[in-house]
Amino acid sequence: MRTADFDYPLPQELIAQHPIEQRDASRLLTLDRSTASIAHRQFADVEALLRSGDVLVANNSRVIPARVRGQKEGDGARVEILLTEERATGEWWCMLRPGKRIHNGTRIQLHDLDGRPTPHWVEA
C-alpha cells in the first residue's frame, strides 16, 4: 500500500475553516456494509446507527494549512512537504512526497506560492 492510494481531489471551498456552531449538525458519511450503500447524514444520527458491540473511534486530528513545495538539491526533483505537527525542538513532523526518493539529510529549497525558488532551505 502506498500513501498515494489515499489521494483524492478536494476542492478548497469544501475544507472547513472553522467548526460549525451546532456541532451535531456536522456531516456524517455512513456505509451499510451489508448492502454496500453509502448515505450522507448528520452526526446527530449517530446514536441510531450504532449497535451493541460497535466501536466509535473519534479522530481529533487537525489539518493545518501547511503544504509547502520545493526542489531537491542535486537532481532538482520536485518535492511536496506536508507539515503535520510541530515538535518542542522547533522541528516538524512531515510527510514528504515522493517519499521513497528522499533520505535523511536531503536538502530541499523551498518555493513560493507561484513555484519560484526562495532563498530558504530545509533538511529532511
PDB file of N, CA and C in Angstrom:
ATOM      1  N   MET A   1       0.844  -1.177   0.000  1.00  0.00           N
ATOM      2  CA  MET A   1       0.000   0.000   0.000  1.00  0.00           C
ATOM      3  C   MET A   1       0.889   1.240   0.000  1.00  0.00           C
ATOM      4  N   ARG A   2       0.478   2.241  -0.759  1.00  0.00           N
ATOM      5  CA  ARG A   2       1.232   3.489  -0.846  1.00  0.00           C
ATOM      6  C   ARG A   2       0.356   4.634  -0.358  1.00  0.00           C
ATOM      7  N   THR A   3       0.991   5.703   0.164  1.00  0.00           N
ATOM      8  CA  THR A   3       0.212   6.862   0.607  1.00  0.00           C
ATOM      9  C   THR A   3      -0.544   7.479  -0.556  1.00  0.00           C
ATOM     10  N   ALA A   4      -0.036   7.342  -1.767  1.00  0.00           N
ATOM     11  CA  ALA A   4      -0.722   7.885  -2.943  1.00  0.00           C
ATOM     12  C   ALA A   4      -2.080   7.213  -3.154  1.00  0.00           C
ATOM     13  N   ASP A   5      -2.267   6.007  -2.608  1.00  0.00           N
ATOM     14  CA  ASP A   5      -3.556   5.325  -2.717  1.00  0.00           C
ATOM     15  C   ASP A   5      -4.668   6.101  -2.016  1.00  0.00           C
ATOM     16  N   PHE A   6      -4.295   7.003  -1.117  1.00  0.00           N
ATOM     17  CA  PHE A   6      -5.282   7.760  -0.355  1.00  0.00           C
ATOM     18  C   PHE A   6      -5.471   9.181  -0.893  1.00  0.00           C
ATOM     19  N   ASP A   7      -4.836   9.520  -1.980  1.00  0.00           N
ATOM     20  CA  ASP A   7      -5.002  10.843  -2.587  1.00  0.00           C
ATOM     21  C   ASP A   7      -6.361  10.930  -3.272  1.00  0.00           C
ATOM     22  N   TYR A   8      -6.975  12.076  -3.172  1.00  0.00           N
ATOM     23  CA  TYR A   8      -8.235  12.320  -3.858  1.00  0.00           C
ATOM     24  C   TYR A   8      -8.391  13.822  -4.049  1.00  0.00           C
ATOM     25  N   PRO A   9      -9.166  14.228  -5.054  1.00  0.00           N
ATOM     26  CA  PRO A   9      -9.367  15.667  -5.267  1.00  0.00           C
ATOM     27  C   PRO A   9     -10.261  16.239  -4.168  1.00  0.00           C
ATOM     28  N   LEU A  10      -9.869  17.351  -3.593  1.00  0.00           N
ATOM     29  CA  LEU A  10     -10.657  18.016  -2.557  1.00  0.00           C
ATOM     30  C   LEU A  10     -10.643  19.507  -2.837  1.00  0.00           C
ATOM     31  N   PRO A  11     -11.736  20.021  -3.401  1.00  0.00           N
ATOM     32  CA  PRO A  11     -11.787  21.455  -3.700  1.00  0.00           C
ATOM     33  C   PRO A  11     -11.605  22.295  -2.438  1.00  0.00           C
ATOM     34  N   GLN A  12     -10.837  23.360  -2.539  1.00  0.00           N
ATOM     35  CA  GLN A  12     -10.513  24.229  -1.405  1.00  0.00           C
ATOM     36  C   GLN A  12     -11.763  24.704  -0.674  1.00  0.00           C
ATOM     37  N   GLU A  13     -12.831  24.998  -1.432  1.00  0.00           N
ATOM     38  CA  GLU A  13     -14.042  25.541  -0.807  1.00  0.00           C
ATOM     39  C   GLU A  13     -14.786  24.515   0.051  1.00  0.00           C
ATOM     40  N   LEU A  14     -14.426  23.232  -0.040  1.00  0.00           N
ATOM     41  CA  LEU A  14     -15.071  22.210   0.781  1.00  0.00           C
ATOM     42  C   LEU A  14     -14.320  21.925   2.076  1.00  0.00           C
ATOM     43  N   ILE A  15     -13.197  22.577   2.283  1.00  0.00           N
ATOM     44  CA  ILE A  15     -12.418  22.367   3.502  1.00  0.00           C
ATOM     45  C   ILE A  15     -12.905  23.345   4.564  1.00  0.00           C
ATOM     46  N   ALA A  16     -13.412  22.801   5.668  1.00  0.00           N
ATOM     47  CA  ALA A  16     -13.937  23.646   6.747  1.00  0.00           C
ATOM     48  C   ALA A  16     -12.810  24.460   7.366  1.00  0.00           C
ATOM     49  N   GLN A  17     -13.046  25.736   7.519  1.00  0.00           N
ATOM     50  CA  GLN A  17     -12.062  26.616   8.140  1.00  0.00           C
ATOM     51  C   GLN A  17     -12.331  26.781   9.633  1.00  0.00           C
ATOM     52  N   HIS A  18     -13.587  26.579  10.032  1.00  0.00           N
ATOM     53  CA  HIS A  18     -14.000  26.697  11.433  1.00  0.00           C
ATOM     54  C   HIS A  18     -15.074  25.653  11.698  1.00  0.00           C
ATOM     55  N   PRO A  19     -15.169  25.163  12.936  1.00  0.00           N
ATOM     56  CA  PRO A  19     -16.239  24.210  13.241  1.00  0.00           C
ATOM     57  C   PRO A  19     -17.608  24.888  13.127  1.00  0.00           C
ATOM     58  N   ILE A  20     -18.613  24.108  12.762  1.00  0.00           N
ATOM     59  CA  ILE A  20     -19.948  24.684  12.689  1.00  0.00           C
ATOM     60  C   ILE A  20     -20.466  24.946  14.099  1.00  0.00           C
ATOM     61  N   GLU A  21     -21.370  25.904  14.213  1.00  0.00           N
ATOM     62  CA  GLU A  21     -21.859  26.317  15.529  1.00  0.00           C
ATOM     63  C   GLU A  21     -22.589  25.178  16.234  1.00  0.00           C
ATOM     64  N   GLN A  22     -23.477  24.507  15.533  1.00  0.00           N
ATOM     65  CA  GLN A  22     -24.208  23.383  16.114  1.00  0.00           C
ATOM     66  C   GLN A  22     -23.448  22.113  15.734  1.00  0.00           C
ATOM     67  N   ARG A  23     -22.582  21.638  16.621  1.00  0.00           N
ATOM     68  CA  ARG A  23     -21.645  20.568  16.291  1.00  0.00           C
ATOM     69  C   ARG A  23     -22.316  19.278  15.827  1.00  0.00           C
ATOM     70  N   ASP A  24     -23.470  18.921  16.410  1.00  0.00           N
ATOM     71  CA  ASP A  24     -24.104  17.671  16.000  1.00  0.00           C
ATOM     72  C   ASP A  24     -24.780  17.772  14.627  1.00  0.00           C
ATOM     73  N   ALA A  25     -24.754  18.947  14.026  1.00  0.00           N
ATOM     74  CA  ALA A  25     -25.274  19.122  12.669  1.00  0.00           C
ATOM     75  C   ALA A  25     -24.186  18.876  11.619  1.00  0.00           C
ATOM     76  N   SER A  26     -22.984  18.521  12.064  1.00  0.00           N
ATOM     77  CA  SER A  26     -21.902  18.259  11.109  1.00  0.00           C
ATOM     78  C   SER A  26     -22.253  17.039  10.253  1.00  0.00           C
ATOM     79  N   ARG A  27     -21.647  16.985   9.089  1.00  0.00           N
ATOM     80  CA  ARG A  27     -21.958  15.917   8.141  1.00  0.00           C
ATOM     81  C   ARG A  27     -21.317  14.604   8.573  1.00  0.00           C
ATOM     82  N   LEU A  28     -22.000  13.513   8.226  1.00  0.00           N
ATOM     83  CA  LEU A  28     -21.544  12.171   8.568  1.00  0.00           C
ATOM     84  C   LEU A  28     -21.773  11.276   7.356  1.00  0.00           C
ATOM     85  N   LEU A  29     -20.725  10.662   6.877  1.00  0.00           N
ATOM     86  CA  LEU A  29     -20.821   9.730   5.758  1.00  0.00           C
ATOM     87  C   LEU A  29     -20.906   8.330   6.345  1.00  0.00           C
ATOM     88  N   THR A  30     -21.933   7.569   5.959  1.00  0.00           N
ATOM     89  CA  THR A  30     -22.103   6.225   6.515  1.00  0.00           C
ATOM     90  C   THR A  30     -22.064   5.187   5.401  1.00  0.00           C
ATOM     91  N   LEU A  31     -21.656   3.982   5.781  1.00  0.00           N
ATOM     92  CA  LEU A  31     -21.619   2.850   4.862  1.00  0.00           C
ATOM     93  C   LEU A  31     -22.339   1.693   5.526  1.00  0.00           C
ATOM     94  N   ASP A  32     -23.358   1.171   4.866  1.00  0.00           N
ATOM     95  CA  ASP A  32     -24.033  -0.042   5.322  1.00  0.00           C
ATOM     96  C   ASP A  32     -23.289  -1.202   4.677  1.00  0.00           C
ATOM     97  N   ARG A  33     -22.523  -1.923   5.469  1.00  0.00           N
ATOM     98  CA  ARG A  33     -21.668  -2.972   4.917  1.00  0.00           C
ATOM     99  C   ARG A  33     -22.468  -4.125   4.322  1.00  0.00           C
ATOM    100  N   SER A  34     -23.674  -4.360   4.813  1.00  0.00           N
ATOM    101  CA  SER A  34     -24.468  -5.479   4.289  1.00  0.00           C
ATOM    102  C   SER A  34     -24.991  -5.198   2.879  1.00  0.00           C
ATOM    103  N   THR A  35     -25.223  -3.932   2.561  1.00  0.00           N
ATOM    104  CA  THR A  35     -25.749  -3.579   1.232  1.00  0.00           C
ATOM    105  C   THR A  35     -24.762  -2.762   0.400  1.00  0.00           C
ATOM    106  N   ALA A  36     -23.648  -2.371   1.017  1.00  0.00           N
ATOM    107  CA  ALA A  36     -22.634  -1.515   0.382  1.00  0.00           C
ATOM    108  C   ALA A  36     -23.213  -0.166  -0.030  1.00  0.00           C
ATOM    109  N   SER A  37     -24.273   0.264   0.661  1.00  0.00           N
ATOM    110  CA  SER A  37     -24.864   1.563   0.329  1.00  0.00           C
ATOM    111  C   SER A  37     -24.254   2.665   1.189  1.00  0.00           C
ATOM    112  N   ILE A  38     -24.043   3.796   0.561  1.00  0.00           N
ATOM    113  CA  ILE A  38     -23.463   4.964   1.222  1.00  0.00           C
ATOM    114  C   ILE A  38     -24.566   5.989   1.419  1.00  0.00           C
ATOM    115  N   ALA A  39     -24.576   6.630   2.589  1.00  0.00           N
ATOM    116  CA  ALA A  39     -25.581   7.657   2.862  1.00  0.00           C
ATOM    117  C   ALA A  39     -24.915   8.862   3.508  1.00  0.00           C
ATOM    118  N   HIS A  40     -25.422  10.031   3.185  1.00  0.00           N
ATOM    119  CA  HIS A  40     -24.975  11.276   3.801  1.00  0.00           C
ATOM    120  C   HIS A  40     -25.977  11.622   4.891  1.00  0.00           C
ATOM    121  N   ARG A  41     -25.489  11.758   6.119  1.00  0.00           N
ATOM    122  CA  ARG A  41     -26.358  12.031   7.254  1.00  0.00           C
ATOM    123  C   ARG A  41     -25.748  13.146   8.081  1.00  0.00           C
ATOM    124  N   GLN A  42     -26.326  13.358   9.266  1.00  0.00           N
ATOM    125  CA  GLN A  42     -25.769  14.312  10.221  1.00  0.00           C
ATOM    126  C   GLN A  42     -25.277  13.543  11.438  1.00  0.00           C
ATOM    127  N   PHE A  43     -24.279  14.104  12.118  1.00  0.00           N
ATOM    128  CA  PHE A  43     -23.711  13.413  13.267  1.00  0.00           C
ATOM    129  C   PHE A  43     -24.757  13.180  14.357  1.00  0.00           C
ATOM    130  N   ALA A  44     -25.785  14.003  14.422  1.00  0.00           N
ATOM    131  CA  ALA A  44     -26.859  13.810  15.407  1.00  0.00           C
ATOM    132  C   ALA A  44     -27.517  12.442  15.248  1.00  0.00           C
ATOM    133  N   ASP A  45     -27.405  11.813  14.066  1.00  0.00           N
ATOM    134  CA  ASP A  45     -27.996  10.499  13.803  1.00  0.00           C
ATOM    135  C   ASP A  45     -27.144   9.345  14.309  1.00  0.00           C
ATOM    136  N   VAL A  46     -25.958   9.612  14.798  1.00  0.00           N
ATOM    137  CA  VAL A  46     -25.002   8.545  15.091  1.00  0.00           C
ATOM    138  C   VAL A  46     -25.530   7.555  16.129  1.00  0.00           C
ATOM    139  N   GLU A  47     -26.248   8.022  17.124  1.00  0.00           N
ATOM    140  CA  GLU A  47     -26.749   7.113  18.162  1.00  0.00           C
ATOM    141  C   GLU A  47     -27.685   6.055  17.569  1.00  0.00           C
ATOM    142  N   ALA A  48     -28.515   6.437  16.624  1.00  0.00           N
ATOM    143  CA  ALA A  48     -29.441   5.495  15.998  1.00  0.00           C
ATOM    144  C   ALA A  48     -28.713   4.496  15.098  1.00  0.00           C
ATOM    145  N   LEU A  49     -27.513   4.813  14.685  1.00  0.00           N
ATOM    146  CA  LEU A  49     -26.760   3.949  13.778  1.00  0.00           C
ATOM    147  C   LEU A  49     -25.931   2.897  14.502  1.00  0.00           C
ATOM    148  N   LEU A  50     -25.595   3.158  15.757  1.00  0.00           N
ATOM    149  CA  LEU A  50     -24.722   2.250  16.498  1.00  0.00           C
ATOM    150  C   LEU A  50     -25.514   1.083  17.076  1.00  0.00           C
ATOM    151  N   ARG A  51     -24.893  -0.106  17.042  1.00  0.00           N
ATOM    152  CA  ARG A  51     -25.496  -1.307  17.614  1.00  0.00           C
ATOM    153  C   ARG A  51     -24.588  -1.828  18.721  1.00  0.00           C
ATOM    154  N   SER A  52     -25.098  -2.716  19.522  1.00  0.00           N
ATOM    155  CA  SER A  52     -24.317  -3.325  20.597  1.00  0.00           C
ATOM    156  C   SER A  52     -23.054  -3.958  20.010  1.00  0.00           C
ATOM    157  N   GLY A  53     -21.916  -3.667  20.618  1.00  0.00           N
ATOM    158  CA  GLY A  53     -20.650  -4.218  20.149  1.00  0.00           C
ATOM    159  C   GLY A  53     -19.915  -3.339  19.155  1.00  0.00           C
ATOM    160  N   ASP A  54     -20.576  -2.317  18.630  1.00  0.00           N
ATOM    161  CA  ASP A  54     -19.904  -1.390  17.714  1.00  0.00           C
ATOM    162  C   ASP A  54     -18.875  -0.561  18.472  1.00  0.00           C
ATOM    163  N   VAL A  55     -17.902  -0.083  17.758  1.00  0.00           N
ATOM    164  CA  VAL A  55     -16.872   0.782  18.323  1.00  0.00           C
ATOM    165  C   VAL A  55     -16.925   2.113  17.582  1.00  0.00           C
ATOM    166  N   LEU A  56     -16.923   3.191  18.341  1.00  0.00           N
ATOM    167  CA  LEU A  56     -16.893   4.528  17.756  1.00  0.00           C
ATOM    168  C   LEU A  56     -15.505   5.102  18.010  1.00  0.00           C
ATOM    169  N   VAL A  57     -14.803   5.443  16.956  1.00  0.00           N
ATOM    170  CA  VAL A  57     -13.455   5.989  17.066  1.00  0.00           C
ATOM    171  C   VAL A  57     -13.525   7.477  16.764  1.00  0.00           C
ATOM    172  N   ALA A  58     -13.027   8.282  17.685  1.00  0.00           N
ATOM    173  CA  ALA A  58     -13.019   9.735  17.489  1.00  0.00           C
ATOM    174  C   ALA A  58     -11.666  10.154  16.930  1.00  0.00           C
ATOM    175  N   ASN A  59     -11.685  10.909  15.871  1.00  0.00           N
ATOM    176  CA  ASN A  59     -10.469  11.435  15.259  1.00  0.00           C
ATOM    177  C   ASN A  59     -10.356  12.898  15.665  1.00  0.00           C
ATOM    178  N   ASN A  60      -9.410  13.195  16.531  1.00  0.00           N
ATOM    179  CA  ASN A  60      -9.248  14.583  16.987  1.00  0.00           C
ATOM    180  C   ASN A  60      -8.069  15.277  16.308  1.00  0.00           C
ATOM    181  N   SER A  61      -7.650  14.747  15.171  1.00  0.00           N
ATOM    182  CA  SER A  61      -6.550  15.384  14.450  1.00  0.00           C
ATOM    183  C   SER A  61      -7.039  16.677  13.815  1.00  0.00           C
ATOM    184  N   ARG A  62      -6.095  17.573  13.583  1.00  0.00           N
ATOM    185  CA  ARG A  62      -6.416  18.848  12.950  1.00  0.00           C
ATOM    186  C   ARG A  62      -5.616  18.967  11.670  1.00  0.00           C
ATOM    187  N   VAL A  63      -6.184  19.635  10.726  1.00  0.00           N
ATOM    188  CA  VAL A  63      -5.464  19.930   9.487  1.00  0.00           C
ATOM    189  C   VAL A  63      -4.991  21.370   9.578  1.00  0.00           C
ATOM    190  N   ILE A  64      -3.715  21.568   9.368  1.00  0.00           N
ATOM    191  CA  ILE A  64      -3.185  22.924   9.376  1.00  0.00           C
ATOM    192  C   ILE A  64      -2.826  23.298   7.942  1.00  0.00           C
ATOM    193  N   PRO A  65      -2.950  24.556   7.593  1.00  0.00           N
ATOM    194  CA  PRO A  65      -2.639  24.960   6.217  1.00  0.00           C
ATOM    195  C   PRO A  65      -1.138  25.049   6.010  1.00  0.00           C
ATOM    196  N   ALA A  66      -0.494  23.905   5.870  1.00  0.00           N
ATOM    197  CA  ALA A  66       0.961  23.915   5.822  1.00  0.00           C
ATOM    198  C   ALA A  66       1.492  22.955   4.768  1.00  0.00           C
ATOM    199  N   ARG A  67       1.111  23.168   3.553  1.00  0.00           N
ATOM    200  CA  ARG A  67       1.649  22.378   2.445  1.00  0.00           C
ATOM    201  C   ARG A  67       2.640  23.270   1.711  1.00  0.00           C
ATOM    202  N   VAL A  68       3.868  22.792   1.592  1.00  0.00           N
ATOM    203  CA  VAL A  68       4.950  23.575   1.005  1.00  0.00           C
ATOM    204  C   VAL A  68       5.558  22.765  -0.136  1.00  0.00           C
ATOM    205  N   ARG A  69       5.948  23.452  -1.161  1.00  0.00           N
ATOM    206  CA  ARG A  69       6.598  22.766  -2.282  1.00  0.00           C
ATOM    207  C   ARG A  69       8.035  23.253  -2.414  1.00  0.00           C
ATOM    208  N   GLY A  70       8.855  22.396  -2.982  1.00  0.00           N
ATOM    209  CA  GLY A  70      10.252  22.750  -3.153  1.00  0.00           C
ATOM    210  C   GLY A  70      10.922  21.847  -4.164  1.00  0.00           C
ATOM    211  N   GLN A  71      12.261  21.896  -4.132  1.00  0.00           N
ATOM    212  CA  GLN A  71      13.065  21.173  -5.107  1.00  0.00           C
ATOM    213  C   GLN A  71      14.291  20.622  -4.406  1.00  0.00           C
ATOM    214  N   LYS A  72      14.581  19.327  -4.662  1.00  0.00           N
ATOM    215  CA  LYS A  72      15.729  18.689  -4.039  1.00  0.00           C
ATOM    216  C   LYS A  72      17.036  19.263  -4.570  1.00  0.00           C
ATOM    217  N   GLU A  73      17.998  19.388  -3.663  1.00  0.00           N
ATOM    218  CA  GLU A  73      19.346  19.784  -4.062  1.00  0.00           C
ATOM    219  C   GLU A  73      19.959  18.619  -4.840  1.00  0.00           C
ATOM    220  N   GLY A  74      20.690  18.918  -5.849  1.00  0.00           N
ATOM    221  CA  GLY A  74      21.348  17.871  -6.622  1.00  0.00           C
ATOM    222  C   GLY A  74      20.591  17.556  -7.891  1.00  0.00           C
ATOM    223  N   ASP A  75      19.553  16.721  -7.789  1.00  0.00           N
ATOM    224  CA  ASP A  75      18.843  16.313  -9.008  1.00  0.00           C
ATOM    225  C   ASP A  75      17.690  17.241  -9.384  1.00  0.00           C
ATOM    226  N   GLY A  76      17.327  18.186  -8.504  1.00  0.00           N
ATOM    227  CA  GLY A  76      16.281  19.157  -8.820  1.00  0.00           C
ATOM    228  C   GLY A  76      14.871  18.600  -8.834  1.00  0.00           C
ATOM    229  N   ALA A  77      14.687  17.373  -8.315  1.00  0.00           N
ATOM    230  CA  ALA A  77      13.354  16.763  -8.305  1.00  0.00           C
ATOM    231  C   ALA A  77      12.393  17.585  -7.448  1.00  0.00           C
ATOM    232  N   ARG A  78      11.155  17.689  -7.910  1.00  0.00           N
ATOM    233  CA  ARG A  78      10.133  18.436  -7.171  1.00  0.00           C
ATOM    234  C   ARG A  78       9.703  17.642  -5.939  1.00  0.00           C
ATOM    235  N   VAL A  79       9.422  18.380  -4.857  1.00  0.00           N
ATOM    236  CA  VAL A  79       9.057  17.774  -3.581  1.00  0.00           C
ATOM    237  C   VAL A  79       7.855  18.515  -3.010  1.00  0.00           C
ATOM    238  N   GLU A  80       6.951  17.769  -2.393  1.00  0.00           N
ATOM    239  CA  GLU A  80       5.841  18.374  -1.663  1.00  0.00           C
ATOM    240  C   GLU A  80       6.010  18.000  -0.194  1.00  0.00           C
ATOM    241  N   ILE A  81       5.895  18.994   0.682  1.00  0.00           N
ATOM    242  CA  ILE A  81       6.079  18.793   2.121  1.00  0.00           C
ATOM    243  C   ILE A  81       4.774  19.159   2.815  1.00  0.00           C
ATOM    244  N   LEU A  82       4.212  18.211   3.575  1.00  0.00           N
ATOM    245  CA  LEU A  82       3.025  18.490   4.376  1.00  0.00           C
ATOM    246  C   LEU A  82       3.455  18.495   5.839  1.00  0.00           C
ATOM    247  N   LEU A  83       3.445  19.675   6.455  1.00  0.00           N
ATOM    248  CA  LEU A  83       3.809  19.803   7.865  1.00  0.00           C
ATOM    249  C   LEU A  83       2.639  19.302   8.694  1.00  0.00           C
ATOM    250  N   THR A  84       2.873  18.339   9.595  1.00  0.00           N
ATOM    251  CA  THR A  84       1.768  17.749  10.344  1.00  0.00           C
ATOM    252  C   THR A  84       1.773  18.084  11.823  1.00  0.00           C
ATOM    253  N   GLU A  85       2.952  18.231  12.424  1.00  0.00           N
ATOM    254  CA  GLU A  85       2.988  18.502  13.864  1.00  0.00           C
ATOM    255  C   GLU A  85       4.314  19.151  14.246  1.00  0.00           C
ATOM    256  N   GLU A  86       4.232  20.254  14.981  1.00  0.00           N
ATOM    257  CA  GLU A  86       5.446  20.911  15.448  1.00  0.00           C
ATOM    258  C   GLU A  86       5.921  20.234  16.724  1.00  0.00           C
ATOM    259  N   ARG A  87       7.217  19.979  16.800  1.00  0.00           N
ATOM    260  CA  ARG A  87       7.813  19.370  17.987  1.00  0.00           C
ATOM    261  C   ARG A  87       8.349  20.468  18.893  1.00  0.00           C
ATOM    262  N   ALA A  88       8.600  20.128  20.135  1.00  0.00           N
ATOM    263  CA  ALA A  88       9.085  21.104  21.115  1.00  0.00           C
ATOM    264  C   ALA A  88      10.424  21.700  20.704  1.00  0.00           C
ATOM    265  N   THR A  89      11.184  20.994  19.889  1.00  0.00           N
ATOM    266  CA  THR A  89      12.506  21.449  19.461  1.00  0.00           C
ATOM    267  C   THR A  89      12.433  22.499  18.361  1.00  0.00           C
ATOM    268  N   GLY A  90      11.222  22.777  17.868  1.00  0.00           N
ATOM    269  CA  GLY A  90      11.076  23.695  16.743  1.00  0.00           C
ATOM    270  C   GLY A  90      11.138  22.981  15.406  1.00  0.00           C
ATOM    271  N   GLU A  91      11.400  21.674  15.438  1.00  0.00           N
ATOM    272  CA  GLU A  91      11.367  20.872  14.222  1.00  0.00           C
ATOM    273  C   GLU A  91       9.927  20.437  13.969  1.00  0.00           C
ATOM    274  N   TRP A  92       9.677  19.892  12.773  1.00  0.00           N
ATOM    275  CA  TRP A  92       8.331  19.463  12.411  1.00  0.00           C
ATOM    276  C   TRP A  92       8.326  18.010  11.965  1.00  0.00           C
ATOM    277  N   TRP A  93       7.236  17.307  12.291  1.00  0.00           N
ATOM    278  CA  TRP A  93       6.959  16.018  11.669  1.00  0.00           C
ATOM    279  C   TRP A  93       6.333  16.348  10.322  1.00  0.00           C
ATOM    280  N   CYS A  94       6.769  15.672   9.280  1.00  0.00           N
ATOM    281  CA  CYS A  94       6.297  15.977   7.929  1.00  0.00           C
ATOM    282  C   CYS A  94       6.005  14.701   7.159  1.00  0.00           C
ATOM    283  N   MET A  95       5.185  14.861   6.150  1.00  0.00           N
ATOM    284  CA  MET A  95       5.015  13.817   5.141  1.00  0.00           C
ATOM    285  C   MET A  95       5.588  14.398   3.855  1.00  0.00           C
ATOM    286  N   LEU A  96       6.480  13.650   3.237  1.00  0.00           N
ATOM    287  CA  LEU A  96       7.148  14.120   2.022  1.00  0.00           C
ATOM    288  C   LEU A  96       6.698  13.283   0.837  1.00  0.00           C
ATOM    289  N   ARG A  97       6.541  13.958  -0.282  1.00  0.00           N
ATOM    290  CA  ARG A  97       6.156  13.234  -1.475  1.00  0.00           C
ATOM    291  C   ARG A  97       6.998  13.717  -2.626  1.00  0.00           C
ATOM    292  N   PRO A  98       7.616  12.877  -3.392  1.00  0.00           N
ATOM    293  CA  PRO A  98       7.602  11.425  -3.269  1.00  0.00           C
ATOM    294  C   PRO A  98       8.562  10.970  -2.176  1.00  0.00           C
ATOM    295  N   GLY A  99       8.072  10.279  -1.177  1.00  0.00           N
ATOM    296  CA  GLY A  99       8.859   9.910  -0.004  1.00  0.00           C
ATOM    297  C   GLY A  99       9.953   8.898  -0.248  1.00  0.00           C
ATOM    298  N   LYS A 100       9.769   8.014  -1.229  1.00  0.00           N
ATOM    299  CA  LYS A 100      10.755   6.948  -1.424  1.00  0.00           C
ATOM    300  C   LYS A 100      12.092   7.465  -1.934  1.00  0.00           C
ATOM    301  N   ARG A 101      12.118   8.677  -2.484  1.00  0.00           N
ATOM    302  CA  ARG A 101      13.374   9.200  -3.042  1.00  0.00           C
ATOM    303  C   ARG A 101      14.004  10.266  -2.157  1.00  0.00           C
ATOM    304  N   ILE A 102      13.484  10.449  -0.952  1.00  0.00           N
ATOM    305  CA  ILE A 102      14.024  11.467  -0.055  1.00  0.00           C
ATOM    306  C   ILE A 102      14.583  10.769   1.176  1.00  0.00           C
ATOM    307  N   HIS A 103      15.838  11.012   1.440  1.00  0.00           N
ATOM    308  CA  HIS A 103      16.511  10.356   2.560  1.00  0.00           C
ATOM    309  C   HIS A 103      16.887  11.388   3.614  1.00  0.00           C
ATOM    310  N   ASN A 104      17.159  10.921   4.837  1.00  0.00           N
ATOM    311  CA  ASN A 104      17.620  11.831   5.891  1.00  0.00           C
ATOM    312  C   ASN A 104      18.821  12.618   5.395  1.00  0.00           C
ATOM    313  N   GLY A 105      18.798  13.902   5.673  1.00  0.00           N
ATOM    314  CA  GLY A 105      19.898  14.764   5.267  1.00  0.00           C
ATOM    315  C   GLY A 105      19.699  15.426   3.913  1.00  0.00           C
ATOM    316  N   THR A 106      18.681  15.002   3.161  1.00  0.00           N
ATOM    317  CA  THR A 106      18.411  15.623   1.861  1.00  0.00           C
ATOM    318  C   THR A 106      18.023  17.083   2.059  1.00  0.00           C
ATOM    319  N   ARG A 107      18.665  17.982   1.311  1.00  0.00           N
ATOM    320  CA  ARG A 107      18.332  19.414   1.388  1.00  0.00           C
ATOM    321  C   ARG A 107      17.306  19.754   0.314  1.00  0.00           C
ATOM    322  N   ILE A 108      16.337  20.589   0.720  1.00  0.00           N
ATOM    323  CA  ILE A 108      15.250  20.975  -0.175  1.00  0.00           C
ATOM    324  C   ILE A 108      15.133  22.492  -0.174  1.00  0.00           C
ATOM    325  N   GLN A 109      15.174  23.080  -1.364  1.00  0.00           N
ATOM    326  CA  GLN A 109      14.971  24.522  -1.492  1.00  0.00           C
ATOM    327  C   GLN A 109      13.471  24.780  -1.611  1.00  0.00           C
ATOM    328  N   LEU A 110      12.937  25.635  -0.726  1.00  0.00           N
ATOM    329  CA  LEU A 110      11.509  25.929  -0.721  1.00  0.00           C
ATOM    330  C   LEU A 110      11.138  26.872  -1.849  1.00  0.00           C
ATOM    331  N   HIS A 111       9.908  26.727  -2.349  1.00  0.00           N
ATOM    332  CA  HIS A 111       9.382  27.583  -3.410  1.00  0.00           C
ATOM    333  C   HIS A 111       8.281  28.468  -2.856  1.00  0.00           C
ATOM    334  N   ASP A 112       8.059  29.616  -3.492  1.00  0.00           N
ATOM    335  CA  ASP A 112       6.953  30.489  -3.081  1.00  0.00           C
ATOM    336  C   ASP A 112       5.650  29.959  -3.690  1.00  0.00           C
ATOM    337  N   LEU A 113       4.548  30.654  -3.450  1.00  0.00           N
ATOM    338  CA  LEU A 113       3.243  30.195  -3.921  1.00  0.00           C
ATOM    339  C   LEU A 113       3.132  30.138  -5.435  1.00  0.00           C
ATOM    340  N   ASP A 114       3.988  30.879  -6.126  1.00  0.00           N
ATOM    341  CA  ASP A 114       3.992  30.860  -7.590  1.00  0.00           C
ATOM    342  C   ASP A 114       4.959  29.826  -8.156  1.00  0.00           C
ATOM    343  N   GLY A 115       5.589  29.039  -7.267  1.00  0.00           N
ATOM    344  CA  GLY A 115       6.504  27.998  -7.716  1.00  0.00           C
ATOM    345  C   GLY A 115       7.918  28.458  -7.975  1.00  0.00           C
ATOM    346  N   ARG A 116       8.249  29.690  -7.576  1.00  0.00           N
ATOM    347  CA  ARG A 116       9.612  30.201  -7.779  1.00  0.00           C
ATOM    348  C   ARG A 116      10.479  29.851  -6.573  1.00  0.00           C
ATOM    349  N   PRO A 117      11.741  29.479  -6.795  1.00  0.00           N
ATOM    350  CA  PRO A 117      12.646  29.176  -5.683  1.00  0.00           C
ATOM    351  C   PRO A 117      12.830  30.381  -4.766  1.00  0.00           C
ATOM    352  N   THR A 118      12.919  30.102  -3.462  1.00  0.00           N
ATOM    353  CA  THR A 118      13.191  31.142  -2.469  1.00  0.00           C
ATOM    354  C   THR A 118      14.600  30.915  -1.937  1.00  0.00           C
ATOM    355  N   PRO A 119      15.127  31.820  -1.113  1.00  0.00           N
ATOM    356  CA  PRO A 119      16.450  31.593  -0.529  1.00  0.00           C
ATOM    357  C   PRO A 119      16.405  30.635   0.671  1.00  0.00           C
ATOM    358  N   HIS A 120      15.250  30.042   0.963  1.00  0.00           N
ATOM    359  CA  HIS A 120      15.090  29.203   2.153  1.00  0.00           C
ATOM    360  C   HIS A 120      15.275  27.722   1.826  1.00  0.00           C
ATOM    361  N   TRP A 121      16.044  27.063   2.694  1.00  0.00           N
ATOM    362  CA  TRP A 121      16.328  25.639   2.548  1.00  0.00           C
ATOM    363  C   TRP A 121      15.919  24.911   3.818  1.00  0.00           C
ATOM    364  N   VAL A 122      15.494  23.644   3.674  1.00  0.00           N
ATOM    365  CA  VAL A 122      15.221  22.775   4.819  1.00  0.00           C
ATOM    366  C   VAL A 122      15.948  21.462   4.589  1.00  0.00           C
ATOM    367  N   GLU A 123      16.092  20.700   5.660  1.00  0.00           N
ATOM    368  CA  GLU A 123      16.770  19.410   5.565  1.00  0.00           C
ATOM    369  C   GLU A 123      15.846  18.320   6.066  1.00  0.00           C
ATOM    370  N   ALA A 124      15.727  17.252   5.283  1.00  0.00           N
ATOM    371  CA  ALA A 124      14.865  16.117   5.664  1.00  0.00           C
ATOM    372  C   ALA A 124      15.540  15.300   6.748  1.00  0.00           C
TER     373      ALA A 124
END
